[in-house]
Protein backbone atom coordinates (compact mmCIF):
# COMPACT_ATOMS: atom_id res chain seq x y z
CA UNK A 1 -24.30 15.00 15.61
CA UNK A 2 -27.38 15.75 17.74
CA UNK A 3 -29.24 17.29 14.80
CA UNK A 4 -29.01 13.96 12.97
CA UNK A 5 -31.33 12.49 15.58
CA UNK A 6 -34.16 14.41 13.92
CA UNK A 7 -33.91 11.86 11.10
CA UNK A 8 -34.95 9.01 13.42
CA UNK A 9 -38.36 8.36 11.77
CA UNK A 10 -36.55 7.54 8.49
CA UNK A 11 -34.41 4.89 10.14
CA UNK A 12 -37.28 2.54 11.03
CA UNK A 13 -35.21 1.37 13.98
CA UNK A 14 -36.97 2.95 16.97
CA UNK A 15 -40.42 4.19 17.97
CA UNK A 16 -39.19 7.37 19.59
CA UNK A 17 -36.46 9.95 19.12
CA UNK A 18 -33.11 8.86 20.63
CA UNK A 19 -31.80 10.97 23.47
CA UNK A 20 -28.21 12.28 23.79
CA UNK A 21 -27.51 9.67 26.45
CA UNK A 22 -28.09 6.95 23.86
CA UNK A 23 -25.16 8.16 21.73
CA UNK A 24 -21.53 7.21 22.29
CA UNK A 25 -18.49 8.36 20.31
CA UNK A 26 -16.54 5.40 19.01
CA UNK A 27 -12.72 5.58 19.08
CA UNK A 28 -10.46 5.09 16.07
CA UNK A 29 -10.87 6.07 12.45
CA UNK A 30 -8.40 8.40 10.74
CA UNK A 31 -10.89 9.67 8.16
CA UNK A 32 -14.48 9.41 9.40
CA UNK A 33 -16.23 9.80 12.75
CA UNK A 34 -18.43 7.03 14.10
CA UNK A 35 -20.95 6.82 16.92
CA UNK A 36 -22.73 4.03 18.74
CA UNK A 37 -26.53 4.30 18.91
CA UNK A 38 -28.09 2.42 21.81
CA UNK A 39 -31.69 1.91 20.66
CA UNK A 40 -34.53 -0.25 21.92
CA UNK A 41 -34.09 -2.51 18.86
CA UNK A 42 -30.37 -3.00 19.50
CA UNK A 43 -27.01 -1.29 19.10
CA UNK A 44 -26.03 0.38 15.83
CA UNK A 45 -23.06 2.21 14.32
CA UNK A 46 -23.67 5.60 12.73
CA UNK A 47 -20.78 6.79 10.57
CA UNK A 48 -20.44 10.37 9.40
CA UNK A 49 -18.65 10.93 6.11
CA UNK A 50 -15.47 12.96 6.28
CA UNK A 51 -15.43 16.37 4.64
CA UNK A 52 -12.23 15.62 2.73
CA UNK A 53 -13.54 12.68 0.70
CA UNK A 54 -12.62 14.39 -2.57
CA UNK A 55 -9.08 15.12 -1.48
CA UNK A 56 -8.62 11.45 -0.57
CA UNK A 57 -10.22 10.23 -3.81
CA UNK A 58 -13.03 8.45 -1.96
CA UNK A 59 -16.03 7.61 -4.13
CA UNK A 60 -18.93 7.16 -1.70
CA UNK A 61 -21.26 5.57 -4.25
CA UNK A 62 -18.61 2.99 -5.08
CA UNK A 63 -17.98 2.41 -1.37
CA UNK A 64 -21.68 1.78 -0.72
CA UNK A 65 -22.02 -0.56 -3.69
CA UNK A 66 -19.04 -2.69 -2.66
CA UNK A 67 -19.95 -2.60 1.03
CA UNK A 68 -23.35 -4.09 0.27
CA UNK A 69 -21.79 -6.72 -2.00
CA UNK A 70 -19.37 -7.67 0.76
CA UNK A 71 -22.25 -7.78 3.27
CA UNK A 72 -24.11 -10.25 1.07
CA UNK A 73 -20.97 -12.42 1.19
CA UNK A 74 -20.89 -12.25 4.99
CA UNK A 75 -17.76 -10.09 5.20
CA UNK A 76 -19.35 -7.07 6.94
CA UNK A 77 -22.79 -6.08 8.36
CA UNK A 78 -25.00 -4.48 5.72
CA UNK A 79 -25.85 -0.79 5.72
CA UNK A 80 -29.49 -0.52 6.73
CA UNK A 81 -29.93 3.25 6.35
CA UNK A 82 -28.07 5.75 4.22
CA UNK A 83 -28.75 9.47 4.41
CA UNK A 84 -29.13 11.37 1.14
CA UNK A 85 -29.64 14.73 2.85
CA UNK A 86 -27.32 17.56 3.78
CA UNK A 87 -25.45 15.41 6.28
CA UNK A 88 -23.99 12.28 4.71
CA UNK A 89 -23.99 9.24 6.96
CA UNK A 90 -25.04 5.62 7.14
CA UNK A 91 -26.17 3.20 9.84
CA UNK A 92 -25.43 -0.49 10.24
CA UNK A 93 -25.95 -2.93 13.07
CA UNK A 94 -23.15 -3.01 15.64
CA UNK A 95 -21.24 -6.26 15.93
CA UNK A 96 -19.50 -7.17 19.16
CA UNK A 97 -15.97 -8.39 18.78
CA UNK A 98 -12.28 -7.76 19.24
CA UNK A 99 -10.19 -5.60 16.94
CA UNK A 100 -7.10 -7.42 15.73
CA UNK A 101 -3.79 -6.19 17.08
CA UNK A 102 -0.17 -7.26 16.56
CA UNK A 103 -0.32 -8.93 19.98
CA UNK A 104 -3.36 -11.08 19.09
CA UNK A 105 -2.31 -11.90 15.54
CA UNK A 106 -1.22 -15.47 14.85
CA UNK A 107 -0.81 -17.79 11.88
CA UNK A 108 -4.35 -19.16 12.10
CA UNK A 109 -5.79 -15.65 12.08
CA UNK A 110 -3.64 -14.68 9.11
CA UNK A 111 -4.97 -17.67 7.19
CA UNK A 112 -8.54 -16.63 8.03
CA UNK A 113 -7.77 -13.10 6.77
CA UNK A 114 -6.41 -14.49 3.51
CA UNK A 115 -9.48 -16.68 3.10
CA UNK A 116 -11.75 -13.68 3.65
CA UNK A 117 -9.83 -11.64 1.07
CA UNK A 118 -10.07 -14.49 -1.42
CA UNK A 119 -13.85 -14.56 -0.93
CA UNK A 120 -13.92 -10.83 -1.58
CA UNK A 121 -11.79 -11.17 -4.70
CA UNK A 122 -14.21 -13.76 -6.07
CA UNK A 123 -17.22 -11.43 -5.92
CA UNK A 124 -18.81 -10.69 -9.31
CA UNK A 125 -17.54 -7.48 -10.88
CA UNK A 126 -20.20 -4.94 -11.80
CA UNK A 127 -19.94 -3.49 -15.28
CA UNK A 128 -20.04 0.08 -13.93
CA UNK A 129 -17.16 -0.41 -11.50
CA UNK A 130 -14.15 1.52 -12.86
CA UNK A 131 -10.60 0.27 -12.54
CA UNK A 132 -8.59 2.00 -9.81
CA UNK A 133 -5.82 4.12 -11.34
CA UNK A 134 -2.67 4.50 -9.26
CA UNK A 135 -1.80 7.79 -10.97
CA UNK A 136 -5.30 9.16 -10.42
CA UNK A 137 -5.56 8.14 -6.78
CA UNK A 138 -1.97 9.05 -5.96
CA UNK A 139 -2.37 12.24 -7.97
CA UNK A 140 -5.24 13.36 -5.76
CA UNK A 141 -3.07 12.83 -2.70
CA UNK A 142 -0.31 14.74 -4.42
CA UNK A 143 -2.61 17.70 -5.09
CA UNK A 144 -3.31 17.89 -1.37
CA UNK A 145 0.41 17.68 -0.61
CA UNK A 146 1.19 20.39 -3.17
CA UNK A 147 -1.26 22.73 -1.43
CA UNK A 148 0.78 22.53 1.75
CA UNK A 149 3.09 25.43 2.36
CA UNK A 150 6.69 24.96 1.21
CA UNK A 151 6.04 21.69 -0.65
CA UNK A 152 9.34 21.33 -2.58
CA UNK A 153 9.09 21.05 -6.36
CA UNK A 154 11.58 18.18 -6.33
CA UNK A 155 9.32 16.13 -4.08
CA UNK A 156 6.32 16.65 -6.36
CA UNK A 157 8.31 15.76 -9.48
CA UNK A 158 9.72 12.63 -7.86
CA UNK A 159 6.24 11.49 -6.76
CA UNK A 160 4.82 12.05 -10.26
CA UNK A 161 7.65 10.02 -11.80
CA UNK A 162 7.08 7.14 -9.38
CA UNK A 163 3.33 7.16 -10.02
CA UNK A 164 3.93 6.89 -13.75
CA UNK A 165 6.45 4.11 -13.21
CA UNK A 166 4.07 2.06 -11.09
CA UNK A 167 0.80 2.78 -12.91
CA UNK A 168 0.20 -0.58 -14.66
CA UNK A 169 -1.37 -3.43 -12.71
CA UNK A 170 0.84 -6.47 -12.02
CA UNK A 171 -1.24 -8.30 -14.65
CA UNK A 172 -4.63 -8.04 -16.33
CA UNK A 173 -6.68 -9.83 -13.66
CA UNK A 174 -8.48 -7.11 -11.66
CA UNK A 175 -11.10 -7.95 -9.04
CA UNK A 176 -13.04 -6.27 -6.24
CA UNK A 177 -10.51 -5.23 -3.56
CA UNK A 178 -10.72 -3.62 -0.13
CA UNK A 179 -7.39 -1.75 -0.49
CA UNK A 180 -7.07 -1.01 3.23
CA UNK A 181 -7.16 -4.44 4.96
CA UNK A 182 -4.99 -3.25 7.85
CA UNK A 183 -5.34 -4.73 11.34
CA UNK A 184 -7.50 -1.87 12.61
CA UNK A 185 -10.15 -2.73 10.02
CA UNK A 186 -10.57 -6.36 11.11
CA UNK A 187 -12.73 -7.52 13.99
CA UNK A 188 -12.92 -11.04 15.40
CA UNK A 189 -16.53 -11.96 16.23
CA UNK A 190 -18.38 -15.06 17.38
CA UNK A 191 -19.24 -15.64 13.71
CA UNK A 192 -15.72 -15.20 12.33
CA UNK A 193 -13.69 -12.27 11.03
CA UNK A 194 -15.40 -9.16 9.71
CA UNK A 195 -13.68 -6.55 7.53
CA UNK A 196 -14.75 -2.94 8.12
CA UNK A 197 -14.25 0.47 6.44
CA UNK A 198 -14.72 0.02 2.69
CA UNK A 199 -14.18 3.62 1.61
CA UNK A 200 -11.08 2.88 -0.49
CA UNK A 201 -12.49 -0.29 -2.05
CA UNK A 202 -12.61 -0.66 -5.82
CA UNK A 203 -11.64 -2.69 -8.84
CA UNK A 204 -7.92 -3.39 -8.54
CA UNK A 205 -5.49 -6.31 -8.25
CA UNK A 206 -5.62 -8.97 -5.51
CA UNK A 207 -1.91 -8.54 -4.81
CA UNK A 208 -2.66 -4.98 -3.67
CA UNK A 209 -4.77 -6.25 -0.78
CA UNK A 210 -2.19 -8.86 0.15
CA UNK A 211 0.62 -6.29 -0.04
CA UNK A 212 -1.27 -3.79 2.14
CA UNK A 213 -1.90 -6.52 4.72
CA UNK A 214 1.72 -7.73 4.76
CA UNK A 215 3.08 -4.19 5.06
CA UNK A 216 0.78 -3.35 7.94
CA UNK A 217 1.65 -6.41 10.03
CA UNK A 218 5.35 -6.30 9.03
CA UNK A 219 5.52 -9.90 7.86
CA UNK A 220 8.95 -11.33 7.16
CA UNK A 221 9.80 -12.48 3.65
CA UNK A 222 9.34 -16.08 4.74
CA UNK A 223 5.87 -15.47 6.17
CA UNK A 224 4.90 -13.43 3.12
CA UNK A 225 5.75 -16.43 0.95
CA UNK A 226 3.64 -18.66 3.19
CA UNK A 227 0.71 -16.26 2.87
CA UNK A 228 1.01 -16.16 -0.92
CA UNK A 229 1.31 -19.94 -1.11
CA UNK A 230 -1.91 -20.23 0.89
CA UNK A 231 -3.72 -17.75 -1.34
CA UNK A 232 -2.52 -18.91 -4.77
CA UNK A 233 -1.14 -22.38 -4.12
CA UNK A 234 2.51 -23.34 -3.63
CA UNK A 235 4.62 -22.00 -6.48
CA UNK A 236 1.60 -20.48 -8.28
CA UNK A 237 2.70 -16.85 -7.95
CA UNK A 238 5.57 -14.79 -9.38
CA UNK A 239 8.01 -13.04 -7.07
CA UNK A 240 8.55 -10.19 -9.58
CA UNK A 241 4.82 -9.38 -9.59
CA UNK A 242 4.75 -9.53 -5.80
CA UNK A 243 7.66 -7.09 -5.42
CA UNK A 244 6.03 -4.76 -7.94
CA UNK A 245 2.67 -4.83 -6.12
CA UNK A 246 4.38 -4.16 -2.77
CA UNK A 247 6.08 -1.10 -4.25
CA UNK A 248 2.78 0.14 -5.67
CA UNK A 249 1.05 -0.05 -2.31
CA UNK A 250 4.06 1.38 -0.47
CA UNK A 251 4.00 4.40 -2.78
CA UNK A 252 0.26 4.91 -2.40
CA UNK A 253 0.45 4.58 1.40
CA UNK A 254 3.32 7.09 1.59
CA UNK A 255 1.39 9.68 -0.42
CA UNK A 256 -1.69 9.11 1.75
CA UNK A 257 0.41 9.72 4.88
CA UNK A 258 1.72 12.90 3.29
CA UNK A 259 -1.75 14.10 2.30
CA UNK A 260 -3.03 13.48 5.82
CA UNK A 261 0.09 15.20 7.22
CA UNK A 262 0.90 12.12 9.27
CA UNK A 263 4.31 12.29 7.63
CA UNK A 264 6.17 15.56 7.27
CA UNK A 265 7.28 16.61 3.79
CA UNK A 266 10.96 15.79 4.54
CA UNK A 267 9.93 12.33 5.81
CA UNK A 268 7.89 11.73 2.68
CA UNK A 269 10.68 12.85 0.36
CA UNK A 270 13.24 10.64 2.13
CA UNK A 271 10.95 7.64 1.78
CA UNK A 272 10.21 8.30 -1.90
CA UNK A 273 13.95 8.59 -2.61
CA UNK A 274 14.51 5.21 -0.97
CA UNK A 275 11.70 3.72 -3.05
CA UNK A 276 13.24 5.18 -6.20
CA UNK A 277 16.68 3.82 -5.27
CA UNK A 278 15.35 0.29 -4.79
CA UNK A 279 13.81 0.34 -8.26
CA UNK A 280 16.58 1.95 -10.30
């Protein structure tokens, strides 16, 4: 980290090189490492890219493009410096606020989250933004899982079958999506909610974002219906599409947990078997 401080003239944020005492490691983040920079011009976040971006199917150019689009819509602070050198990182202004937690979550906040996601989903789609493929993204996770010692062939075959089964989108209405709108990526500020960490963002289906959010906060069926009614309008969504989208995101999340070794291989296989059983 300290060697990155040699880049300070390129930042155009300070008139002198920052000292080690002006750097603070920020907690959280399962993929990347972030630091706080206390500079004379203000506080900034410096985020280092993880070395396993390829294994997690993270396209950094796509992330940057969507991040800046979302910043223009007021959903996240813009990136003001991006390194193109040996060490990949970016800098944005720090925003003070409170990370959302299950204890602080309420109905009003959920509505604000849905409204923010709807604003995101209404962003114009760039012609060079490829459609997210469940089999491609899940397949990259599966490659990482297969490289683990003693990965059972039955587990890999089952995962491949489920990826093929759930490949198609719920319908042909893709939009710009965050794809990881979990509580830890939301911060409540004086200017409203901000949505952080856009590394998995891409062109996908709006139900994927809503499903990822509902799964993370463990919403009941009743509250899921309320959320969907608020997003689409009462009765303007199909329950079959919603169940399908939930299964898609549940499968993708399970494979991500397996690739990151958050879940053991037996835990992953048990979960995939239960997902298969529900959809037989």
